[in-house]
Amino acid sequence: MPTAATLGKTPVDHYDPLRPLADAIGLMTGTLPGQVANALHQVLEATTPQSRSARLQLIRHLVDIESQSAGPEMPKSVTVANDLISTAQAAELLGYSRPYVAMLIDQDKLKGATVSAGGHRRVSRASVLDWKNKHQTISKATDLRTEGQKAGAYRSTEAEALRRVKALAKRR
């Protein structure tokens, strides 16, 4: 017999964040959305190494898709200010070395940077792109990179560098 507390209450459906994705996949593939949702939950929520790998691959794929669509042609209003990237990613965007980007962050030249308790630096993509836009107009004569970097001198392996040092020592 229903109690006074349960009268007039309807059962509440549990919200499934994967359901819109399952519905879209179901429409595209002709599969029942419920089956797709179950498969997504099994793969994404399992605690096996394979499921962890699948989740990481999905994240990487989604980041790649977003980074391709977030090129310089997008208006600044679309760029999310909280889109934090690593120093390696910032260095790639700027064409500088990772230590140089870390130095820019430490000197507070790249605004909006954070440093985690473990010492990992993150900086907003917008700040990096602003820095890049401001410093693209630097002339060739005042370029921040050295001639050695331009010629690829720092791309050699450690073994090759040791061989060169030994050859120089023999000449003396």
C-alpha atoms as a PDB file:
ATOM      1  CA  MET A   1       0.000   0.000   0.000  1.00  0.00           C
ATOM      2  CA  PRO A   2       1.422   3.384  -0.941  1.00  0.00           C
ATOM      3  CA  THR A   3       2.244   5.737   1.884  1.00  0.00           C
ATOM      4  CA  ALA A   4       1.425   9.430   1.994  1.00  0.00           C
ATOM      5  CA  ALA A   5       5.083  10.198   1.190  1.00  0.00           C
ATOM      6  CA  THR A   6       5.019   8.177  -2.046  1.00  0.00           C
ATOM      7  CA  LEU A   7       1.599   9.303  -3.287  1.00  0.00           C
ATOM      8  CA  GLY A   8       1.806  11.762  -6.125  1.00  0.00           C
ATOM      9  CA  LYS A   9       5.480  11.019  -6.817  1.00  0.00           C
ATOM     10  CA  THR A  10       6.535   9.640 -10.140  1.00  0.00           C
ATOM     11  CA  PRO A  11       9.698   7.588 -10.567  1.00  0.00           C
ATOM     12  CA  VAL A  12      12.658   9.765 -11.495  1.00  0.00           C
ATOM     13  CA  ASP A  13      14.698   8.603 -14.488  1.00  0.00           C
ATOM     14  CA  HIS A  14      18.406   8.417 -13.788  1.00  0.00           C
ATOM     15  CA  TYR A  15      20.317  10.814 -16.074  1.00  0.00           C
ATOM     16  CA  ASP A  16      22.807   9.004 -18.282  1.00  0.00           C
ATOM     17  CA  PRO A  17      25.468  11.365 -19.714  1.00  0.00           C
ATOM     18  CA  LEU A  18      26.321   8.810 -22.402  1.00  0.00           C
ATOM     19  CA  ARG A  19      22.740   8.563 -23.641  1.00  0.00           C
ATOM     20  CA  PRO A  20      22.922  11.461 -26.170  1.00  0.00           C
ATOM     21  CA  LEU A  21      26.077   9.907 -27.632  1.00  0.00           C
ATOM     22  CA  ALA A  22      24.466   6.472 -27.718  1.00  0.00           C
ATOM     23  CA  ASP A  23      21.393   7.920 -29.441  1.00  0.00           C
ATOM     24  CA  ALA A  24      23.559   9.620 -32.079  1.00  0.00           C
ATOM     25  CA  ILE A  25      25.596   6.458 -32.698  1.00  0.00           C
ATOM     26  CA  GLY A  26      22.405   4.404 -32.816  1.00  0.00           C
ATOM     27  CA  LEU A  27      20.909   6.687 -35.466  1.00  0.00           C
ATOM     28  CA  MET A  28      24.085   6.611 -37.565  1.00  0.00           C
ATOM     29  CA  THR A  29      24.640   2.851 -37.362  1.00  0.00           C
ATOM     30  CA  GLY A  30      21.117   1.498 -37.072  1.00  0.00           C
ATOM     31  CA  THR A  31      21.941  -0.062 -33.698  1.00  0.00           C
ATOM     32  CA  LEU A  32      19.583   0.175 -30.752  1.00  0.00           C
ATOM     33  CA  PRO A  33      20.668   3.121 -28.566  1.00  0.00           C
ATOM     34  CA  GLY A  34      20.269   1.001 -25.422  1.00  0.00           C
ATOM     35  CA  GLN A  35      22.791  -1.514 -26.733  1.00  0.00           C
ATOM     36  CA  VAL A  36      25.215   1.249 -27.676  1.00  0.00           C
ATOM     37  CA  ALA A  37      24.838   2.857 -24.232  1.00  0.00           C
ATOM     38  CA  ASN A  38      25.507  -0.469 -22.509  1.00  0.00           C
ATOM     39  CA  ALA A  39      28.617  -1.048 -24.644  1.00  0.00           C
ATOM     40  CA  LEU A  40      29.905   2.476 -23.924  1.00  0.00           C
ATOM     41  CA  HIS A  41      29.406   2.004 -20.185  1.00  0.00           C
ATOM     42  CA  GLN A  42      31.160  -1.377 -20.239  1.00  0.00           C
ATOM     43  CA  VAL A  43      34.193  -0.007 -22.081  1.00  0.00           C
ATOM     44  CA  LEU A  44      34.474   3.387 -20.394  1.00  0.00           C
ATOM     45  CA  GLU A  45      33.674   2.428 -16.805  1.00  0.00           C
ATOM     46  CA  ALA A  46      35.639  -0.808 -16.444  1.00  0.00           C
ATOM     47  CA  THR A  47      38.798  -0.806 -14.329  1.00  0.00           C
ATOM     48  CA  THR A  48      40.924  -2.952 -16.625  1.00  0.00           C
ATOM     49  CA  PRO A  49      44.105  -1.720 -18.297  1.00  0.00           C
ATOM     50  CA  GLN A  50      42.382  -2.110 -21.672  1.00  0.00           C
ATOM     51  CA  SER A  51      39.488   0.141 -20.645  1.00  0.00           C
ATOM     52  CA  ARG A  52      41.908   2.732 -19.255  1.00  0.00           C
ATOM     53  CA  SER A  53      43.770   2.657 -22.549  1.00  0.00           C
ATOM     54  CA  ALA A  54      40.480   3.063 -24.438  1.00  0.00           C
ATOM     55  CA  ARG A  55      39.546   6.078 -22.295  1.00  0.00           C
ATOM     56  CA  LEU A  56      42.939   7.715 -22.854  1.00  0.00           C
ATOM     57  CA  GLN A  57      42.746   7.084 -26.598  1.00  0.00           C
ATOM     58  CA  LEU A  58      39.279   8.639 -26.651  1.00  0.00           C
ATOM     59  CA  ILE A  59      40.538  11.696 -24.745  1.00  0.00           C
ATOM     60  CA  ARG A  60      43.513  12.095 -27.099  1.00  0.00           C
ATOM     61  CA  HIS A  61      41.242  11.778 -30.119  1.00  0.00           C
ATOM     62  CA  LEU A  62      38.829  14.392 -28.779  1.00  0.00           C
ATOM     63  CA  VAL A  63      41.692  16.775 -27.955  1.00  0.00           C
ATOM     64  CA  ASP A  64      43.082  16.311 -31.475  1.00  0.00           C
ATOM     65  CA  ILE A  65      39.691  17.086 -32.983  1.00  0.00           C
ATOM     66  CA  GLU A  66      39.307  20.203 -30.833  1.00  0.00           C
ATOM     67  CA  SER A  67      42.843  21.416 -31.510  1.00  0.00           C
ATOM     68  CA  GLN A  68      42.289  21.082 -35.263  1.00  0.00           C
ATOM     69  CA  SER A  69      39.116  23.137 -35.066  1.00  0.00           C
ATOM     70  CA  ALA A  70      40.690  25.692 -32.686  1.00  0.00           C
ATOM     71  CA  GLY A  71      43.183  27.035 -35.218  1.00  0.00           C
ATOM     72  CA  PRO A  72      44.143  30.683 -35.603  1.00  0.00           C
ATOM     73  CA  GLU A  73      41.157  31.257 -37.918  1.00  0.00           C
ATOM     74  CA  MET A  74      38.738  30.912 -34.987  1.00  0.00           C
ATOM     75  CA  PRO A  75      37.594  34.143 -33.363  1.00  0.00           C
ATOM     76  CA  LYS A  76      39.057  34.900 -29.950  1.00  0.00           C
ATOM     77  CA  SER A  77      35.590  34.783 -28.400  1.00  0.00           C
ATOM     78  CA  VAL A  78      35.441  31.043 -29.191  1.00  0.00           C
ATOM     79  CA  THR A  79      38.742  30.293 -27.464  1.00  0.00           C
ATOM     80  CA  VAL A  80      38.195  29.223 -23.891  1.00  0.00           C
ATOM     81  CA  ALA A  81      40.282  31.201 -21.408  1.00  0.00           C
ATOM     82  CA  ASN A  82      40.549  28.194 -19.082  1.00  0.00           C
ATOM     83  CA  ASP A  83      42.029  25.973 -21.809  1.00  0.00           C
ATOM     84  CA  LEU A  84      45.305  25.184 -20.019  1.00  0.00           C
ATOM     85  CA  ILE A  85      48.145  23.535 -21.910  1.00  0.00           C
ATOM     86  CA  SER A  86      51.521  22.144 -20.865  1.00  0.00           C
ATOM     87  CA  THR A  87      54.855  23.863 -21.415  1.00  0.00           C
ATOM     88  CA  ALA A  88      55.655  21.331 -24.149  1.00  0.00           C
ATOM     89  CA  GLN A  89      52.433  22.187 -25.992  1.00  0.00           C
ATOM     90  CA  ALA A  90      53.083  25.911 -25.543  1.00  0.00           C
ATOM     91  CA  ALA A  91      56.648  25.479 -26.818  1.00  0.00           C
ATOM     92  CA  GLU A  92      55.339  23.705 -29.907  1.00  0.00           C
ATOM     93  CA  LEU A  93      52.845  26.502 -30.569  1.00  0.00           C
ATOM     94  CA  LEU A  94      55.507  29.178 -30.135  1.00  0.00           C
ATOM     95  CA  GLY A  95      58.386  27.406 -31.843  1.00  0.00           C
ATOM     96  CA  TYR A  96      60.579  27.739 -28.749  1.00  0.00           C
ATOM     97  CA  SER A  97      62.099  25.182 -26.397  1.00  0.00           C
ATOM     98  CA  ARG A  98      60.162  23.886 -23.396  1.00  0.00           C
ATOM     99  CA  PRO A  99      62.686  25.349 -20.890  1.00  0.00           C
ATOM    100  CA  TYR A 100      62.346  28.767 -22.545  1.00  0.00           C
ATOM    101  CA  VAL A 101      58.559  28.613 -22.153  1.00  0.00           C
ATOM    102  CA  ALA A 102      59.018  27.580 -18.509  1.00  0.00           C
ATOM    103  CA  MET A 103      61.257  30.629 -18.036  1.00  0.00           C
ATOM    104  CA  LEU A 104      58.597  32.869 -19.625  1.00  0.00           C
ATOM    105  CA  ILE A 105      56.044  31.472 -17.180  1.00  0.00           C
ATOM    106  CA  ASP A 106      58.388  31.923 -14.206  1.00  0.00           C
ATOM    107  CA  GLN A 107      59.022  35.537 -15.236  1.00  0.00           C
ATOM    108  CA  ASP A 108      55.250  36.053 -15.523  1.00  0.00           C
ATOM    109  CA  LYS A 109      55.520  36.974 -19.198  1.00  0.00           C
ATOM    110  CA  LEU A 110      52.889  34.399 -20.143  1.00  0.00           C
ATOM    111  CA  LYS A 111      49.828  35.486 -18.184  1.00  0.00           C
ATOM    112  CA  GLY A 112      47.360  33.055 -16.639  1.00  0.00           C
ATOM    113  CA  ALA A 113      49.921  30.363 -15.858  1.00  0.00           C
ATOM    114  CA  THR A 114      49.592  28.006 -12.920  1.00  0.00           C
ATOM    115  CA  VAL A 115      52.073  25.743 -11.182  1.00  0.00           C
ATOM    116  CA  SER A 116      50.826  22.558  -9.528  1.00  0.00           C
ATOM    117  CA  ALA A 117      52.062  21.242  -6.189  1.00  0.00           C
ATOM    118  CA  GLY A 118      54.276  18.870  -8.179  1.00  0.00           C
ATOM    119  CA  GLY A 119      55.839  21.778 -10.091  1.00  0.00           C
ATOM    120  CA  HIS A 120      54.021  21.223 -13.393  1.00  0.00           C
ATOM    121  CA  ARG A 121      53.373  24.460 -15.218  1.00  0.00           C
ATOM    122  CA  ARG A 122      50.193  25.062 -17.211  1.00  0.00           C
ATOM    123  CA  VAL A 123      49.364  28.163 -19.200  1.00  0.00           C
ATOM    124  CA  SER A 124      46.254  29.228 -21.054  1.00  0.00           C
ATOM    125  CA  ARG A 125      46.261  28.669 -24.786  1.00  0.00           C
ATOM    126  CA  ALA A 126      44.928  32.222 -25.238  1.00  0.00           C
ATOM    127  CA  SER A 127      47.944  33.666 -23.400  1.00  0.00           C
ATOM    128  CA  VAL A 128      50.343  31.660 -25.559  1.00  0.00           C
ATOM    129  CA  LEU A 129      48.610  32.768 -28.759  1.00  0.00           C
ATOM    130  CA  ASP A 130      48.657  36.404 -27.574  1.00  0.00           C
ATOM    131  CA  TRP A 131      52.411  36.142 -26.884  1.00  0.00           C
ATOM    132  CA  LYS A 132      52.940  34.585 -30.305  1.00  0.00           C
ATOM    133  CA  ASN A 133      50.975  37.338 -32.047  1.00  0.00           C
ATOM    134  CA  LYS A 134      52.945  40.062 -30.233  1.00  0.00           C
ATOM    135  CA  HIS A 135      56.326  38.503 -30.998  1.00  0.00           C
ATOM    136  CA  GLN A 136      55.783  37.373 -34.592  1.00  0.00           C
ATOM    137  CA  THR A 137      56.687  40.820 -35.833  1.00  0.00           C
ATOM    138  CA  ILE A 138      60.252  40.606 -34.503  1.00  0.00           C
ATOM    139  CA  SER A 139      62.653  41.117 -37.394  1.00  0.00           C
ATOM    140  CA  LYS A 140      65.138  38.475 -38.503  1.00  0.00           C
ATOM    141  CA  ALA A 141      68.026  40.514 -37.067  1.00  0.00           C
ATOM    142  CA  THR A 142      66.519  40.460 -33.582  1.00  0.00           C
ATOM    143  CA  ASP A 143      65.164  36.919 -33.718  1.00  0.00           C
ATOM    144  CA  LEU A 144      65.399  35.237 -30.309  1.00  0.00           C
ATOM    145  CA  ARG A 145      66.746  31.976 -31.711  1.00  0.00           C
ATOM    146  CA  THR A 146      70.466  31.601 -32.266  1.00  0.00           C
ATOM    147  CA  GLU A 147      72.008  30.668 -35.592  1.00  0.00           C
ATOM    148  CA  GLY A 148      72.929  27.278 -34.112  1.00  0.00           C
ATOM    149  CA  GLN A 149      69.320  26.522 -33.316  1.00  0.00           C
ATOM    150  CA  LYS A 150      68.249  27.580 -36.802  1.00  0.00           C
ATOM    151  CA  ALA A 151      70.829  25.282 -38.363  1.00  0.00           C
ATOM    152  CA  GLY A 152      69.691  22.354 -36.228  1.00  0.00           C
ATOM    153  CA  ALA A 153      72.873  22.153 -34.159  1.00  0.00           C
ATOM    154  CA  TYR A 154      70.918  21.135 -31.078  1.00  0.00           C
ATOM    155  CA  ARG A 155      69.213  18.232 -32.795  1.00  0.00           C
ATOM    156  CA  SER A 156      72.289  16.007 -32.582  1.00  0.00           C
ATOM    157  CA  THR A 157      72.426  13.040 -30.246  1.00  0.00           C
ATOM    158  CA  GLU A 158      74.522  12.924 -27.107  1.00  0.00           C
ATOM    159  CA  ALA A 159      76.814  10.329 -28.696  1.00  0.00           C
ATOM    160  CA  GLU A 160      77.418  12.604 -31.680  1.00  0.00           C
ATOM    161  CA  ALA A 161      78.166  15.542 -29.390  1.00  0.00           C
ATOM    162  CA  LEU A 162      80.694  13.437 -27.439  1.00  0.00           C
ATOM    163  CA  ARG A 163      82.334  12.362 -30.699  1.00  0.00           C
ATOM    164  CA  ARG A 164      82.702  16.027 -31.737  1.00  0.00           C
ATOM    165  CA  VAL A 165      84.171  17.015 -28.360  1.00  0.00           C
ATOM    166  CA  LYS A 166      86.718  14.179 -28.547  1.00  0.00           C
ATOM    167  CA  ALA A 167      87.655  15.179 -32.096  1.00  0.00           C
ATOM    168  CA  LEU A 168      88.209  18.780 -30.980  1.00  0.00           C
ATOM    169  CA  ALA A 169      90.337  17.600 -28.033  1.00  0.00           C
ATOM    170  CA  LYS A 170      92.542  15.527 -30.363  1.00  0.00           C
ATOM    171  CA  ARG A 171      93.192  18.551 -32.581  1.00  0.00           C
ATOM    172  CA  ARG A 172      94.703  20.512 -29.676  1.00  0.00           C
END
